[in-house]
């Protein structure tokens, strides 16, 4: 997937990955994609709720080797 910005939130727990993603998205143009890499298992449901509440599109979520990768498209 084509991403415009990547955010490494490994080792951070809720709500820090969401707060950092929110800040990063604020600096992005509409339609751009943010990739967030996290190690917090709760980030899967956190990013789903975040997308619903903010109107940003959660394009994809993947899990591999203890890492959770989220792709968000800026509204």
PDB file of N, CA and C in Angstrom:
ATOM      1  N   UNK A   1       0.843  -1.182   0.000  1.00  0.00           N
ATOM      2  CA  UNK A   1       0.000   0.000   0.000  1.00  0.00           C
ATOM      3  C   UNK A   1       0.892   1.251   0.000  1.00  0.00           C
ATOM      4  N   UNK A   2       0.463   2.227  -0.760  1.00  0.00           N
ATOM      5  CA  UNK A   2       1.188   3.494  -0.848  1.00  0.00           C
ATOM      6  C   UNK A   2       0.898   4.339   0.399  1.00  0.00           C
ATOM      7  N   UNK A   3       1.925   4.676   1.167  1.00  0.00           N
ATOM      8  CA  UNK A   3       1.713   5.511   2.346  1.00  0.00           C
ATOM      9  C   UNK A   3       2.473   6.822   2.194  1.00  0.00           C
ATOM     10  N   UNK A   4       1.954   7.854   2.810  1.00  0.00           N
ATOM     11  CA  UNK A   4       2.569   9.174   2.738  1.00  0.00           C
ATOM     12  C   UNK A   4       3.393   9.492   3.981  1.00  0.00           C
ATOM     13  N   UNK A   5       3.048   8.814   5.075  1.00  0.00           N
ATOM     14  CA  UNK A   5       3.768   9.043   6.336  1.00  0.00           C
ATOM     15  C   UNK A   5       3.690   7.761   7.149  1.00  0.00           C
ATOM     16  N   UNK A   6       4.770   7.476   7.901  1.00  0.00           N
ATOM     17  CA  UNK A   6       4.786   6.301   8.771  1.00  0.00           C
ATOM     18  C   UNK A   6       5.081   6.739  10.195  1.00  0.00           C
ATOM     19  N   UNK A   7       4.375   6.109  11.130  1.00  0.00           N
ATOM     20  CA  UNK A   7       4.498   6.447  12.540  1.00  0.00           C
ATOM     21  C   UNK A   7       4.851   5.182  13.318  1.00  0.00           C
ATOM     22  N   UNK A   8       5.947   5.222  14.068  1.00  0.00           N
ATOM     23  CA  UNK A   8       6.385   4.080  14.871  1.00  0.00           C
ATOM     24  C   UNK A   8       5.963   4.326  16.314  1.00  0.00           C
ATOM     25  N   UNK A   9       4.978   3.550  16.782  1.00  0.00           N
ATOM     26  CA  UNK A   9       4.535   3.695  18.173  1.00  0.00           C
ATOM     27  C   UNK A   9       4.821   2.413  18.959  1.00  0.00           C
ATOM     28  N   UNK A  10       5.822   1.659  18.521  1.00  0.00           N
ATOM     29  CA  UNK A  10       6.191   0.424  19.236  1.00  0.00           C
ATOM     30  C   UNK A  10       6.561   0.769  20.676  1.00  0.00           C
ATOM     31  N   UNK A  11       6.065  -0.043  21.612  1.00  0.00           N
ATOM     32  CA  UNK A  11       6.387   0.151  23.019  1.00  0.00           C
ATOM     33  C   UNK A  11       5.470   1.128  23.738  1.00  0.00           C
ATOM     34  N   UNK A  12       4.613   1.822  23.000  1.00  0.00           N
ATOM     35  CA  UNK A  12       3.690   2.774  23.624  1.00  0.00           C
ATOM     36  C   UNK A  12       2.326   2.114  23.828  1.00  0.00           C
ATOM     37  N   UNK A  13       1.696   2.442  24.944  1.00  0.00           N
ATOM     38  CA  UNK A  13       0.368   1.910  25.229  1.00  0.00           C
ATOM     39  C   UNK A  13      -0.683   2.990  25.081  1.00  0.00           C
ATOM     40  N   UNK A  14      -1.935   2.545  25.005  1.00  0.00           N
ATOM     41  CA  UNK A  14      -3.081   3.439  24.872  1.00  0.00           C
ATOM     42  C   UNK A  14      -3.020   4.508  25.965  1.00  0.00           C
ATOM     43  N   UNK A  15      -3.270   5.741  25.658  1.00  0.00           N
ATOM     44  CA  UNK A  15      -3.800   6.281  24.400  1.00  0.00           C
ATOM     45  C   UNK A  15      -2.725   6.878  23.491  1.00  0.00           C
ATOM     46  N   UNK A  16      -1.445   6.664  23.786  1.00  0.00           N
ATOM     47  CA  UNK A  16      -0.375   7.339  23.034  1.00  0.00           C
ATOM     48  C   UNK A  16      -0.368   7.052  21.525  1.00  0.00           C
ATOM     49  N   UNK A  17      -0.549   5.797  21.065  1.00  0.00           N
ATOM     50  CA  UNK A  17      -0.571   5.589  19.609  1.00  0.00           C
ATOM     51  C   UNK A  17      -1.678   6.396  18.918  1.00  0.00           C
ATOM     52  N   UNK A  18      -2.840   6.479  19.544  1.00  0.00           N
ATOM     53  CA  UNK A  18      -3.959   7.242  18.977  1.00  0.00           C
ATOM     54  C   UNK A  18      -3.634   8.737  18.960  1.00  0.00           C
ATOM     55  N   UNK A  19      -3.093   9.243  20.058  1.00  0.00           N
ATOM     56  CA  UNK A  19      -2.768  10.671  20.129  1.00  0.00           C
ATOM     57  C   UNK A  19      -1.713  11.054  19.094  1.00  0.00           C
ATOM     58  N   UNK A  20      -0.702  10.211  18.924  1.00  0.00           N
ATOM     59  CA  UNK A  20       0.340  10.485  17.929  1.00  0.00           C
ATOM     60  C   UNK A  20      -0.229  10.408  16.511  1.00  0.00           C
ATOM     61  N   UNK A  21      -1.128   9.461  16.277  1.00  0.00           N
ATOM     62  CA  UNK A  21      -1.763   9.333  14.958  1.00  0.00           C
ATOM     63  C   UNK A  21      -2.632  10.551  14.666  1.00  0.00           C
ATOM     64  N   UNK A  22      -3.357  11.008  15.669  1.00  0.00           N
ATOM     65  CA  UNK A  22      -4.219  12.181  15.500  1.00  0.00           C
ATOM     66  C   UNK A  22      -3.384  13.405  15.110  1.00  0.00           C
ATOM     67  N   UNK A  23      -2.249  13.579  15.787  1.00  0.00           N
ATOM     68  CA  UNK A  23      -1.358  14.707  15.497  1.00  0.00           C
ATOM     69  C   UNK A  23      -0.772  14.589  14.087  1.00  0.00           C
ATOM     70  N   UNK A  24      -0.357  13.377  13.713  1.00  0.00           N
ATOM     71  CA  UNK A  24       0.223  13.164  12.385  1.00  0.00           C
ATOM     72  C   UNK A  24      -0.811  13.418  11.290  1.00  0.00           C
ATOM     73  N   UNK A  25      -2.038  12.951  11.492  1.00  0.00           N
ATOM     74  CA  UNK A  25      -3.096  13.146  10.496  1.00  0.00           C
ATOM     75  C   UNK A  25      -3.425  14.625  10.317  1.00  0.00           C
ATOM     76  N   UNK A  26      -3.319  15.397  11.381  1.00  0.00           N
ATOM     77  CA  UNK A  26      -3.625  16.831  11.311  1.00  0.00           C
ATOM     78  C   UNK A  26      -2.673  17.558  10.357  1.00  0.00           C
ATOM     79  N   UNK A  27      -1.461  17.018  10.190  1.00  0.00           N
ATOM     80  CA  UNK A  27      -0.464  17.633   9.312  1.00  0.00           C
ATOM     81  C   UNK A  27      -0.498  17.082   7.888  1.00  0.00           C
ATOM     82  N   UNK A  28      -1.463  16.199   7.603  1.00  0.00           N
ATOM     83  CA  UNK A  28      -1.536  15.560   6.295  1.00  0.00           C
ATOM     84  C   UNK A  28      -2.690  16.124   5.472  1.00  0.00           C
ATOM     85  N   UNK A  29      -2.580  15.975   4.163  1.00  0.00           N
ATOM     86  CA  UNK A  29      -3.640  16.437   3.264  1.00  0.00           C
ATOM     87  C   UNK A  29      -4.736  15.380   3.159  1.00  0.00           C
ATOM     88  N   UNK A  30      -5.926  15.805   2.808  1.00  0.00           N
ATOM     89  CA  UNK A  30      -7.052  14.903   2.620  1.00  0.00           C
ATOM     90  C   UNK A  30      -6.708  13.836   1.580  1.00  0.00           C
ATOM     91  N   UNK A  31      -7.000  12.568   1.918  1.00  0.00           N
ATOM     92  CA  UNK A  31      -6.741  11.466   0.997  1.00  0.00           C
ATOM     93  C   UNK A  31      -5.405  10.782   1.199  1.00  0.00           C
ATOM     94  N   UNK A  32      -4.492  11.420   1.952  1.00  0.00           N
ATOM     95  CA  UNK A  32      -3.191  10.795   2.202  1.00  0.00           C
ATOM     96  C   UNK A  32      -3.341   9.660   3.210  1.00  0.00           C
ATOM     97  N   UNK A  33      -2.412   8.693   3.138  1.00  0.00           N
ATOM     98  CA  UNK A  33      -2.488   7.504   3.992  1.00  0.00           C
ATOM     99  C   UNK A  33      -1.355   7.511   5.020  1.00  0.00           C
ATOM    100  N   UNK A  34      -1.747   7.263   6.276  1.00  0.00           N
ATOM    101  CA  UNK A  34      -0.807   7.166   7.393  1.00  0.00           C
ATOM    102  C   UNK A  34      -0.680   5.701   7.797  1.00  0.00           C
ATOM    103  N   UNK A  35       0.559   5.234   7.936  1.00  0.00           N
ATOM    104  CA  UNK A  35       0.819   3.874   8.428  1.00  0.00           C
ATOM    105  C   UNK A  35       1.285   4.001   9.867  1.00  0.00           C
ATOM    106  N   UNK A  36       0.619   3.274  10.775  1.00  0.00           N
ATOM    107  CA  UNK A  36       0.992   3.293  12.195  1.00  0.00           C
ATOM    108  C   UNK A  36       1.382   1.879  12.606  1.00  0.00           C
ATOM    109  N   UNK A  37       2.594   1.723  13.144  1.00  0.00           N
ATOM    110  CA  UNK A  37       3.056   0.433  13.640  1.00  0.00           C
ATOM    111  C   UNK A  37       3.023   0.485  15.165  1.00  0.00           C
ATOM    112  N   UNK A  38       2.318  -0.477  15.773  1.00  0.00           N
ATOM    113  CA  UNK A  38       2.156  -0.499  17.233  1.00  0.00           C
ATOM    114  C   UNK A  38       2.433  -1.899  17.779  1.00  0.00           C
ATOM    115  N   UNK A  39       2.709  -1.965  19.079  1.00  0.00           N
ATOM    116  CA  UNK A  39       2.875  -3.265  19.741  1.00  0.00           C
ATOM    117  C   UNK A  39       1.775  -3.501  20.772  1.00  0.00           C
ATOM    118  N   UNK A  40       0.904  -2.537  20.976  1.00  0.00           N
ATOM    119  CA  UNK A  40      -0.205  -2.646  21.933  1.00  0.00           C
ATOM    120  C   UNK A  40      -1.363  -3.408  21.278  1.00  0.00           C
ATOM    121  N   UNK A  41      -1.703  -4.610  21.791  1.00  0.00           N
ATOM    122  CA  UNK A  41      -2.795  -5.383  21.193  1.00  0.00           C
ATOM    123  C   UNK A  41      -4.125  -4.620  21.191  1.00  0.00           C
ATOM    124  N   UNK A  42      -4.320  -3.749  22.157  1.00  0.00           N
ATOM    125  CA  UNK A  42      -5.546  -2.959  22.231  1.00  0.00           C
ATOM    126  C   UNK A  42      -5.674  -1.948  21.108  1.00  0.00           C
ATOM    127  N   UNK A  43      -4.571  -1.718  20.396  1.00  0.00           N
ATOM    128  CA  UNK A  43      -4.607  -0.731  19.309  1.00  0.00           C
ATOM    129  C   UNK A  43      -5.534  -1.171  18.187  1.00  0.00           C
ATOM    130  N   UNK A  44      -5.784  -2.466  18.043  1.00  0.00           N
ATOM    131  CA  UNK A  44      -6.681  -2.940  16.980  1.00  0.00           C
ATOM    132  C   UNK A  44      -8.073  -2.323  17.162  1.00  0.00           C
ATOM    133  N   UNK A  45      -8.636  -2.475  18.330  1.00  0.00           N
ATOM    134  CA  UNK A  45      -9.975  -1.908  18.562  1.00  0.00           C
ATOM    135  C   UNK A  45      -9.926  -0.393  18.746  1.00  0.00           C
ATOM    136  N   UNK A  46      -8.822   0.120  19.299  1.00  0.00           N
ATOM    137  CA  UNK A  46      -8.685   1.563  19.489  1.00  0.00           C
ATOM    138  C   UNK A  46      -8.730   2.308  18.157  1.00  0.00           C
ATOM    139  N   UNK A  47      -8.020   1.799  17.145  1.00  0.00           N
ATOM    140  CA  UNK A  47      -7.999   2.472  15.851  1.00  0.00           C
ATOM    141  C   UNK A  47      -9.330   2.329  15.111  1.00  0.00           C
ATOM    142  N   UNK A  48     -10.043   1.226  15.358  1.00  0.00           N
ATOM    143  CA  UNK A  48     -11.378   1.084  14.764  1.00  0.00           C
ATOM    144  C   UNK A  48     -12.313   2.156  15.324  1.00  0.00           C
ATOM    145  N   UNK A  49     -12.280   2.336  16.633  1.00  0.00           N
ATOM    146  CA  UNK A  49     -13.118   3.353  17.276  1.00  0.00           C
ATOM    147  C   UNK A  49     -12.687   4.753  16.859  1.00  0.00           C
ATOM    148  N   UNK A  50     -11.388   4.987  16.777  1.00  0.00           N
ATOM    149  CA  UNK A  50     -10.857   6.287  16.374  1.00  0.00           C
ATOM    150  C   UNK A  50     -11.357   6.667  14.975  1.00  0.00           C
ATOM    151  N   UNK A  51     -11.315   5.714  14.061  1.00  0.00           N
ATOM    152  CA  UNK A  51     -11.766   5.977  12.684  1.00  0.00           C
ATOM    153  C   UNK A  51     -13.258   6.311  12.663  1.00  0.00           C
ATOM    154  N   UNK A  52     -14.056   5.562  13.407  1.00  0.00           N
ATOM    155  CA  UNK A  52     -15.506   5.831  13.476  1.00  0.00           C
ATOM    156  C   UNK A  52     -15.781   7.228  14.029  1.00  0.00           C
ATOM    157  N   UNK A  53     -15.066   7.609  15.073  1.00  0.00           N
ATOM    158  CA  UNK A  53     -15.320   8.882  15.748  1.00  0.00           C
ATOM    159  C   UNK A  53     -14.820  10.091  14.970  1.00  0.00           C
ATOM    160  N   UNK A  54     -13.757   9.924  14.173  1.00  0.00           N
ATOM    161  CA  UNK A  54     -13.150  11.077  13.505  1.00  0.00           C
ATOM    162  C   UNK A  54     -13.512  11.194  12.031  1.00  0.00           C
ATOM    163  N   UNK A  55     -14.047  10.125  11.457  1.00  0.00           N
ATOM    164  CA  UNK A  55     -14.388  10.170  10.042  1.00  0.00           C
ATOM    165  C   UNK A  55     -13.231   9.824   9.120  1.00  0.00           C
ATOM    166  N   UNK A  56     -12.050   9.541   9.697  1.00  0.00           N
ATOM    167  CA  UNK A  56     -10.931   9.066   8.881  1.00  0.00           C
ATOM    168  C   UNK A  56     -11.199   7.599   8.542  1.00  0.00           C
ATOM    169  N   UNK A  57     -10.720   7.164   7.381  1.00  0.00           N
ATOM    170  CA  UNK A  57     -10.994   5.797   6.940  1.00  0.00           C
ATOM    171  C   UNK A  57      -9.896   4.852   7.401  1.00  0.00           C
ATOM    172  N   UNK A  58     -10.297   3.783   8.102  1.00  0.00           N
ATOM    173  CA  UNK A  58      -9.359   2.733   8.468  1.00  0.00           C
ATOM    174  C   UNK A  58      -9.298   1.782   7.281  1.00  0.00           C
ATOM    175  N   UNK A  59      -8.261   1.918   6.475  1.00  0.00           N
ATOM    176  CA  UNK A  59      -8.161   1.189   5.212  1.00  0.00           C
ATOM    177  C   UNK A  59      -7.850  -0.283   5.452  1.00  0.00           C
ATOM    178  N   UNK A  60      -6.920  -0.549   6.384  1.00  0.00           N
ATOM    179  CA  UNK A  60      -6.479  -1.920   6.611  1.00  0.00           C
ATOM    180  C   UNK A  60      -5.807  -2.026   7.975  1.00  0.00           C
ATOM    181  N   UNK A  61      -5.902  -3.237   8.562  1.00  0.00           N
ATOM    182  CA  UNK A  61      -5.173  -3.553   9.792  1.00  0.00           C
ATOM    183  C   UNK A  61      -4.538  -4.920   9.601  1.00  0.00           C
ATOM    184  N   UNK A  62      -3.269  -5.057   9.974  1.00  0.00           N
ATOM    185  CA  UNK A  62      -2.603  -6.351   9.887  1.00  0.00           C
ATOM    186  C   UNK A  62      -1.865  -6.631  11.190  1.00  0.00           C
ATOM    187  N   UNK A  63      -1.636  -7.915  11.435  1.00  0.00           N
ATOM    188  CA  UNK A  63      -0.906  -8.345  12.629  1.00  0.00           C
ATOM    189  C   UNK A  63       0.171  -9.325  12.190  1.00  0.00           C
ATOM    190  N   UNK A  64       1.401  -9.098  12.648  1.00  0.00           N
ATOM    191  CA  UNK A  64       2.494 -10.028  12.347  1.00  0.00           C
ATOM    192  C   UNK A  64       3.565  -9.918  13.416  1.00  0.00           C
ATOM    193  N   UNK A  65       3.933 -11.042  13.986  1.00  0.00           N
ATOM    194  CA  UNK A  65       5.027 -11.131  14.959  1.00  0.00           C
ATOM    195  C   UNK A  65       4.904 -10.102  16.087  1.00  0.00           C
ATOM    196  N   UNK A  66       3.721  -9.986  16.660  1.00  0.00           N
ATOM    197  CA  UNK A  66       3.528  -9.093  17.802  1.00  0.00           C
ATOM    198  C   UNK A  66       3.419  -7.623  17.449  1.00  0.00           C
ATOM    199  N   UNK A  67       3.340  -7.312  16.162  1.00  0.00           N
ATOM    200  CA  UNK A  67       3.177  -5.923  15.737  1.00  0.00           C
ATOM    201  C   UNK A  67       1.840  -5.752  15.038  1.00  0.00           C
ATOM    202  N   UNK A  68       1.222  -4.622  15.288  1.00  0.00           N
ATOM    203  CA  UNK A  68      -0.090  -4.306  14.733  1.00  0.00           C
ATOM    204  C   UNK A  68       0.079  -3.096  13.825  1.00  0.00           C
ATOM    205  N   UNK A  69      -0.281  -3.269  12.566  1.00  0.00           N
ATOM    206  CA  UNK A  69      -0.086  -2.200  11.590  1.00  0.00           C
ATOM    207  C   UNK A  69      -1.450  -1.689  11.143  1.00  0.00           C
ATOM    208  N   UNK A  70      -1.616  -0.381  11.208  1.00  0.00           N
ATOM    209  CA  UNK A  70      -2.885   0.266  10.881  1.00  0.00           C
ATOM    210  C   UNK A  70      -2.646   1.263   9.751  1.00  0.00           C
ATOM    211  N   UNK A  71      -3.538   1.269   8.775  1.00  0.00           N
ATOM    212  CA  UNK A  71      -3.461   2.223   7.657  1.00  0.00           C
ATOM    213  C   UNK A  71      -4.699   3.100   7.712  1.00  0.00           C
ATOM    214  N   UNK A  72      -4.489   4.389   7.879  1.00  0.00           N
ATOM    215  CA  UNK A  72      -5.591   5.350   7.977  1.00  0.00           C
ATOM    216  C   UNK A  72      -5.518   6.345   6.834  1.00  0.00           C
ATOM    217  N   UNK A  73      -6.655   6.556   6.171  1.00  0.00           N
ATOM    218  CA  UNK A  73      -6.717   7.570   5.113  1.00  0.00           C
ATOM    219  C   UNK A  73      -7.352   8.823   5.691  1.00  0.00           C
ATOM    220  N   UNK A  74      -6.643   9.932   5.545  1.00  0.00           N
ATOM    221  CA  UNK A  74      -7.114  11.238   6.072  1.00  0.00           C
ATOM    222  C   UNK A  74      -8.397  11.649   5.373  1.00  0.00           C
ATOM    223  N   UNK A  75      -9.367  12.077   6.158  1.00  0.00           N
ATOM    224  CA  UNK A  75     -10.653  12.493   5.592  1.00  0.00           C
ATOM    225  C   UNK A  75     -10.550  13.833   4.903  1.00  0.00           C
TER     226      UNK A  75
END
